[in-house]
Amino acid sequence: QVQLVGSGGGLVQAGGSLRLSCAASGRTISSYAMGWFRQAPGKEREFVAAISWSGDSTFYKDSVKGRFTISRDNVKNTVFLQMNSLKPEDTAVYYCAASPFRNINTNKYDYWGQGTQVTVSS
């Protein structure tokens, strides 16, 4: 079993930055692809970004390309989401997730963090 704990959310003004972290425990995530998702009030959860097990491959939702960067530190068993140039429409609860597969061409994520709130004011 993998337990994921997300952190780093908060309130920020438009144009600001936040760095989310997702710390894993229970087992190493070094062989797992990892993803970030978000859910805004009244909306369905949506994909934001993914990173392969090695960190060599990444993929982003179109609206965050060039603003968000996903990265990982397999030694620390942690995944990050650096969010720059934040917009009010980025406001949501952000969730990290672990896939049992190594590469990012998957929709299967078996383990989920508890979510961290990101609020961007205009």
C-alpha atoms as a PDB file:
ATOM      1  CA  GLN A   1       0.000   0.000   0.000  1.00  0.00           C
ATOM      2  CA  VAL A   2       1.064   3.552  -0.708  1.00  0.00           C
ATOM      3  CA  GLN A   3      -0.031   6.465   1.429  1.00  0.00           C
ATOM      4  CA  LEU A   4       0.176   9.915  -0.133  1.00  0.00           C
ATOM      5  CA  VAL A   5       0.059  13.194   1.740  1.00  0.00           C
ATOM      6  CA  GLY A   6      -0.245  16.413  -0.202  1.00  0.00           C
ATOM      7  CA  SER A   7       0.771  19.786   1.159  1.00  0.00           C
ATOM      8  CA  GLY A   8       1.717  23.294   0.128  1.00  0.00           C
ATOM      9  CA  GLY A   9      -1.648  24.694  -0.821  1.00  0.00           C
ATOM     10  CA  GLY A  10      -2.878  28.075   0.292  1.00  0.00           C
ATOM     11  CA  LEU A  11      -4.248  31.449  -0.720  1.00  0.00           C
ATOM     12  CA  VAL A  12      -2.316  33.444  -3.290  1.00  0.00           C
ATOM     13  CA  GLN A  13      -3.018  36.430  -5.503  1.00  0.00           C
ATOM     14  CA  ALA A  14      -3.287  36.064  -9.245  1.00  0.00           C
ATOM     15  CA  GLY A  15       0.161  35.965 -10.783  1.00  0.00           C
ATOM     16  CA  GLY A  16       1.670  34.385  -7.702  1.00  0.00           C
ATOM     17  CA  SER A  17       3.275  30.998  -7.172  1.00  0.00           C
ATOM     18  CA  LEU A  18       2.838  27.930  -5.007  1.00  0.00           C
ATOM     19  CA  ARG A  19       4.732  24.673  -4.753  1.00  0.00           C
ATOM     20  CA  LEU A  20       2.766  21.580  -3.879  1.00  0.00           C
ATOM     21  CA  SER A  21       4.423  18.517  -2.416  1.00  0.00           C
ATOM     22  CA  CYS A  22       3.236  14.941  -2.246  1.00  0.00           C
ATOM     23  CA  ALA A  23       5.060  12.746   0.231  1.00  0.00           C
ATOM     24  CA  ALA A  24       4.685   8.996  -0.116  1.00  0.00           C
ATOM     25  CA  SER A  25       5.034   6.366   2.573  1.00  0.00           C
ATOM     26  CA  GLY A  26       4.395   2.667   2.901  1.00  0.00           C
ATOM     27  CA  ARG A  27       6.502   1.760  -0.079  1.00  0.00           C
ATOM     28  CA  THR A  28       8.757   3.435  -2.594  1.00  0.00           C
ATOM     29  CA  ILE A  29       7.121   5.223  -5.520  1.00  0.00           C
ATOM     30  CA  SER A  30      10.292   5.142  -7.602  1.00  0.00           C
ATOM     31  CA  SER A  31       8.721   2.684 -10.066  1.00  0.00           C
ATOM     32  CA  TYR A  32       5.368   4.469 -10.275  1.00  0.00           C
ATOM     33  CA  ALA A  33       4.194   7.145 -12.639  1.00  0.00           C
ATOM     34  CA  MET A  34       2.741   9.993 -10.610  1.00  0.00           C
ATOM     35  CA  GLY A  35       0.064  12.524 -11.369  1.00  0.00           C
ATOM     36  CA  TRP A  36      -1.593  15.663 -10.099  1.00  0.00           C
ATOM     37  CA  PHE A  37      -5.313  16.240 -10.469  1.00  0.00           C
ATOM     38  CA  ARG A  38      -7.646  18.996  -9.319  1.00  0.00           C
ATOM     39  CA  GLN A  39     -11.308  19.482  -8.558  1.00  0.00           C
ATOM     40  CA  ALA A  40     -12.981  22.867  -8.503  1.00  0.00           C
ATOM     41  CA  PRO A  41     -16.305  23.438  -6.714  1.00  0.00           C
ATOM     42  CA  GLY A  42     -19.177  22.023  -8.734  1.00  0.00           C
ATOM     43  CA  LYS A  43     -16.869  20.471 -11.303  1.00  0.00           C
ATOM     44  CA  GLU A  44     -15.485  17.038 -11.972  1.00  0.00           C
ATOM     45  CA  ARG A  45     -11.950  16.128 -11.075  1.00  0.00           C
ATOM     46  CA  GLU A  46      -9.545  16.788 -13.942  1.00  0.00           C
ATOM     47  CA  PHE A  47      -6.023  15.826 -14.874  1.00  0.00           C
ATOM     48  CA  VAL A  48      -3.316  18.447 -14.431  1.00  0.00           C
ATOM     49  CA  ALA A  49       0.092  16.842 -14.914  1.00  0.00           C
ATOM     50  CA  ALA A  50       1.919  13.511 -14.899  1.00  0.00           C
ATOM     51  CA  ILE A  51       5.502  12.337 -14.637  1.00  0.00           C
ATOM     52  CA  SER A  52       7.042   8.989 -15.474  1.00  0.00           C
ATOM     53  CA  TRP A  53       8.810   6.823 -12.929  1.00  0.00           C
ATOM     54  CA  SER A  54      12.223   8.139 -13.942  1.00  0.00           C
ATOM     55  CA  GLY A  55      11.166  11.751 -14.381  1.00  0.00           C
ATOM     56  CA  ASP A  56      12.208  11.699 -18.039  1.00  0.00           C
ATOM     57  CA  SER A  57       8.693  12.153 -19.373  1.00  0.00           C
ATOM     58  CA  THR A  58       6.055  14.666 -18.358  1.00  0.00           C
ATOM     59  CA  PHE A  59       2.637  15.629 -19.678  1.00  0.00           C
ATOM     60  CA  TYR A  60       0.408  18.590 -18.885  1.00  0.00           C
ATOM     61  CA  LYS A  61      -3.130  19.805 -19.305  1.00  0.00           C
ATOM     62  CA  ASP A  62      -3.051  22.427 -22.038  1.00  0.00           C
ATOM     63  CA  SER A  63      -4.161  25.280 -19.808  1.00  0.00           C
ATOM     64  CA  VAL A  64      -1.224  24.835 -17.398  1.00  0.00           C
ATOM     65  CA  LYS A  65       1.564  24.267 -19.919  1.00  0.00           C
ATOM     66  CA  GLY A  66       4.346  26.768 -19.435  1.00  0.00           C
ATOM     67  CA  ARG A  67       3.081  27.706 -15.971  1.00  0.00           C
ATOM     68  CA  PHE A  68       3.185  24.448 -14.002  1.00  0.00           C
ATOM     69  CA  THR A  69       6.109  22.040 -13.638  1.00  0.00           C
ATOM     70  CA  ILE A  70       5.874  18.538 -12.220  1.00  0.00           C
ATOM     71  CA  SER A  71       9.002  16.949 -10.781  1.00  0.00           C
ATOM     72  CA  ARG A  72       9.991  14.154  -8.448  1.00  0.00           C
ATOM     73  CA  ASP A  73      12.696  13.142  -6.007  1.00  0.00           C
ATOM     74  CA  ASN A  74      12.725   9.367  -5.789  1.00  0.00           C
ATOM     75  CA  VAL A  75      15.262   9.406  -2.968  1.00  0.00           C
ATOM     76  CA  LYS A  76      12.874  11.470  -0.862  1.00  0.00           C
ATOM     77  CA  ASN A  77       9.828   9.588  -2.192  1.00  0.00           C
ATOM     78  CA  THR A  78       8.209  12.894  -3.048  1.00  0.00           C
ATOM     79  CA  VAL A  79       6.564  14.517  -6.044  1.00  0.00           C
ATOM     80  CA  PHE A  80       6.211  18.250  -6.579  1.00  0.00           C
ATOM     81  CA  LEU A  81       4.040  20.610  -8.586  1.00  0.00           C
ATOM     82  CA  GLN A  82       5.499  24.077  -9.054  1.00  0.00           C
ATOM     83  CA  MET A  83       2.721  26.459 -10.041  1.00  0.00           C
ATOM     84  CA  ASN A  84       3.619  29.882 -11.403  1.00  0.00           C
ATOM     85  CA  SER A  85       1.538  32.688 -12.893  1.00  0.00           C
ATOM     86  CA  LEU A  86      -1.494  31.391 -11.066  1.00  0.00           C
ATOM     87  CA  LYS A  87      -4.946  32.398 -12.261  1.00  0.00           C
ATOM     88  CA  PRO A  88      -8.282  32.440 -10.419  1.00  0.00           C
ATOM     89  CA  GLU A  89      -9.415  29.538 -12.587  1.00  0.00           C
ATOM     90  CA  ASP A  90      -6.658  27.417 -11.028  1.00  0.00           C
ATOM     91  CA  THR A  91      -8.588  27.496  -7.756  1.00  0.00           C
ATOM     92  CA  ALA A  92      -9.343  23.916  -6.735  1.00  0.00           C
ATOM     93  CA  VAL A  93      -8.454  21.092  -4.407  1.00  0.00           C
ATOM     94  CA  TYR A  94      -5.314  19.482  -5.792  1.00  0.00           C
ATOM     95  CA  TYR A  95      -4.721  15.746  -5.436  1.00  0.00           C
ATOM     96  CA  CYS A  96      -1.616  13.694  -6.081  1.00  0.00           C
ATOM     97  CA  ALA A  97      -1.946  10.137  -7.280  1.00  0.00           C
ATOM     98  CA  ALA A  98       0.228   7.113  -7.981  1.00  0.00           C
ATOM     99  CA  SER A  99      -0.134   4.774 -10.927  1.00  0.00           C
ATOM    100  CA  PRO A 100       0.987   1.136 -10.825  1.00  0.00           C
ATOM    101  CA  PHE A 101       2.555   1.722 -14.238  1.00  0.00           C
ATOM    102  CA  ARG A 102       5.891   3.362 -14.953  1.00  0.00           C
ATOM    103  CA  ASN A 103       4.978   5.526 -17.901  1.00  0.00           C
ATOM    104  CA  ILE A 104       2.545   8.387 -18.231  1.00  0.00           C
ATOM    105  CA  ASN A 105       0.332   6.935 -20.964  1.00  0.00           C
ATOM    106  CA  THR A 106      -2.129   5.616 -18.417  1.00  0.00           C
ATOM    107  CA  ASN A 107      -5.411   6.653 -16.828  1.00  0.00           C
ATOM    108  CA  LYS A 108      -5.055   4.166 -14.000  1.00  0.00           C
ATOM    109  CA  TYR A 109      -4.149   5.672 -10.677  1.00  0.00           C
ATOM    110  CA  ASP A 110      -4.605   3.415  -7.677  1.00  0.00           C
ATOM    111  CA  TYR A 111      -3.469   5.579  -4.790  1.00  0.00           C
ATOM    112  CA  TRP A 112      -4.656   9.088  -3.946  1.00  0.00           C
ATOM    113  CA  GLY A 113      -3.656  11.772  -1.501  1.00  0.00           C
ATOM    114  CA  GLN A 114      -6.132  13.646   0.639  1.00  0.00           C
ATOM    115  CA  GLY A 115      -6.041  16.867  -1.356  1.00  0.00           C
ATOM    116  CA  THR A 116      -4.704  20.327  -0.658  1.00  0.00           C
ATOM    117  CA  GLN A 117      -6.678  23.518  -1.298  1.00  0.00           C
ATOM    118  CA  VAL A 118      -5.336  26.130  -3.681  1.00  0.00           C
ATOM    119  CA  THR A 119      -7.182  29.431  -3.830  1.00  0.00           C
ATOM    120  CA  VAL A 120      -6.169  32.162  -6.261  1.00  0.00           C
ATOM    121  CA  SER A 121      -7.692  35.579  -5.706  1.00  0.00           C
ATOM    122  CA  SER A 122      -8.134  38.107  -8.483  1.00  0.00           C
END
